[in-house]
Protein backbone atom coordinates (compact mmCIF):
# COMPACT_ATOMS: atom_id res chain seq x y z
CA MET A 1 0.45 20.65 20.36
CA PRO A 2 2.97 22.97 18.63
CA GLN A 3 2.88 26.76 18.64
CA TYR A 4 1.20 28.29 15.76
CA THR A 5 3.86 30.32 13.98
CA PRO A 6 2.92 31.01 10.27
CA ASP A 7 5.50 33.51 9.69
CA LYS A 8 8.32 31.33 10.85
CA TRP A 9 6.99 28.68 8.60
CA ILE A 10 6.65 30.81 5.63
CA ASP A 11 10.21 31.72 6.08
CA GLN A 12 11.18 28.17 6.51
CA LEU A 13 9.40 26.99 3.53
CA LEU A 14 10.77 29.54 1.19
CA LYS A 15 14.30 28.17 2.23
CA CYS A 16 12.82 25.00 0.72
CA GLN A 17 12.73 23.35 4.26
CA HIS A 18 9.93 20.98 5.01
CA LEU A 19 7.78 21.60 8.04
CA PRO A 20 7.86 18.98 10.82
CA GLU A 21 4.83 16.94 10.77
CA ALA A 22 3.55 18.21 14.24
CA ASP A 23 3.76 21.87 12.72
CA MET A 24 1.96 20.69 9.50
CA LYS A 25 -0.83 19.13 11.62
CA THR A 26 -1.21 22.33 13.51
CA LEU A 27 -1.38 24.37 10.30
CA CYS A 28 -3.82 22.07 8.61
CA ASP A 29 -6.03 22.31 11.68
CA ARG A 30 -6.00 26.13 11.63
CA VAL A 31 -6.84 26.27 8.05
CA ARG A 32 -9.67 23.53 8.33
CA ALA A 33 -11.09 25.74 10.86
CA ILE A 34 -11.00 28.69 8.69
CA LEU A 35 -12.59 26.77 5.71
CA MET A 36 -15.27 24.98 7.67
CA GLU A 37 -16.72 28.49 8.64
CA GLU A 38 -17.03 29.81 5.24
CA SER A 39 -19.47 29.16 2.51
CA ASN A 40 -18.88 27.25 -0.85
CA ILE A 41 -19.30 30.70 -2.86
CA GLN A 42 -17.05 33.49 -1.54
CA PRO A 43 -17.31 37.17 -2.69
CA VAL A 44 -14.05 38.46 -3.96
CA SER A 45 -13.08 42.22 -4.20
CA SER A 46 -11.26 43.45 -6.97
CA PRO A 47 -8.33 43.90 -7.97
CA VAL A 48 -7.42 40.22 -7.69
CA THR A 49 -4.84 38.00 -9.57
CA ILE A 50 -6.34 34.74 -10.84
CA CYS A 51 -4.08 31.79 -10.98
CA GLY A 52 -4.63 28.64 -12.87
CA ASP A 53 -3.78 25.04 -12.45
CA VAL A 54 -0.52 25.13 -10.44
CA HIS A 55 -0.80 21.56 -8.91
CA GLY A 56 0.58 22.85 -5.75
CA GLN A 57 4.18 22.89 -7.37
CA PHE A 58 6.33 24.89 -5.07
CA TRP A 59 8.37 26.89 -7.73
CA ASP A 60 5.33 27.74 -9.76
CA VAL A 61 3.63 29.07 -6.33
CA ILE A 62 6.98 31.03 -5.50
CA GLU A 63 7.21 32.68 -9.19
CA LEU A 64 3.50 33.55 -9.02
CA LEU A 65 4.04 35.46 -5.81
CA ARG A 66 7.21 36.89 -6.93
CA LYS A 67 5.83 38.39 -10.20
CA GLY A 68 2.27 39.08 -8.88
CA GLY A 69 3.05 40.66 -5.53
CA LYS A 70 3.17 39.19 -2.02
CA VAL A 71 0.19 38.53 0.23
CA PRO A 72 -1.62 40.55 1.61
CA GLU A 73 -0.73 43.42 -0.74
CA THR A 74 -1.99 41.40 -3.67
CA SER A 75 -5.11 39.32 -3.61
CA TYR A 76 -5.19 35.93 -5.30
CA ILE A 77 -7.73 33.26 -6.63
CA PHE A 78 -6.02 29.82 -7.17
CA MET A 79 -8.18 27.59 -9.33
CA ALA A 80 -8.57 23.97 -10.47
CA ARG A 81 -6.59 20.86 -8.88
CA MET A 82 -3.67 22.84 -7.34
CA PHE A 83 -3.37 19.97 -4.69
CA PHE A 84 -2.65 17.35 -7.14
CA GLY A 85 0.63 17.32 -8.75
CA ARG A 86 3.90 15.47 -9.62
CA ALA A 87 6.37 17.72 -8.23
CA GLY A 88 8.02 15.01 -5.90
CA GLY A 89 9.29 16.40 -2.42
CA LEU A 90 8.49 19.95 -3.39
CA LEU A 91 4.67 19.23 -3.69
CA GLY A 92 4.49 19.28 0.00
CA LEU A 93 6.42 22.59 0.09
CA GLY A 94 4.07 24.24 -2.53
CA ILE A 95 0.77 23.10 -0.45
CA ALA A 96 2.24 23.98 2.85
CA GLN A 97 3.12 27.56 1.32
CA LEU A 98 -0.42 28.05 0.21
CA LEU A 99 -1.73 26.76 3.56
CA CYS A 100 0.52 29.00 5.38
CA LEU A 101 -0.65 32.04 3.38
CA VAL A 102 -4.27 31.16 4.06
CA GLY A 103 -3.58 30.58 7.72
CA ARG A 104 -1.71 33.65 8.27
CA PHE A 105 -3.47 36.35 6.18
CA CYS A 106 -7.17 35.12 5.56
CA ARG A 107 -10.23 35.45 7.94
CA SER A 108 -11.65 33.24 5.06
CA GLY A 109 -10.02 30.83 2.61
CA THR A 110 -9.68 33.48 0.09
CA LEU A 111 -6.24 34.93 -0.59
């Protein structure tokens, strides 16, 4: 199993480079473990930036983080169907970026 290196993966994704399948599996396994440990309802401390339906689109995610502030300095709630979109090859980058942020900065799935 590949080494868990979310900081490296975040940098790679910001360069529009996809993660290798083995790295993506490692990332998904880590985020799955985080999400399985928490309840469906999460307490959220303010201040928090609430983001609408980004459909996992890479450039939308990057622009939100650029304008709103980087994680962990800014807390985010991503709402709706963010994992269903029509962004072509960039869809995987947007989803991977969000998963990396959860895996890197969250003890729970709340950014």
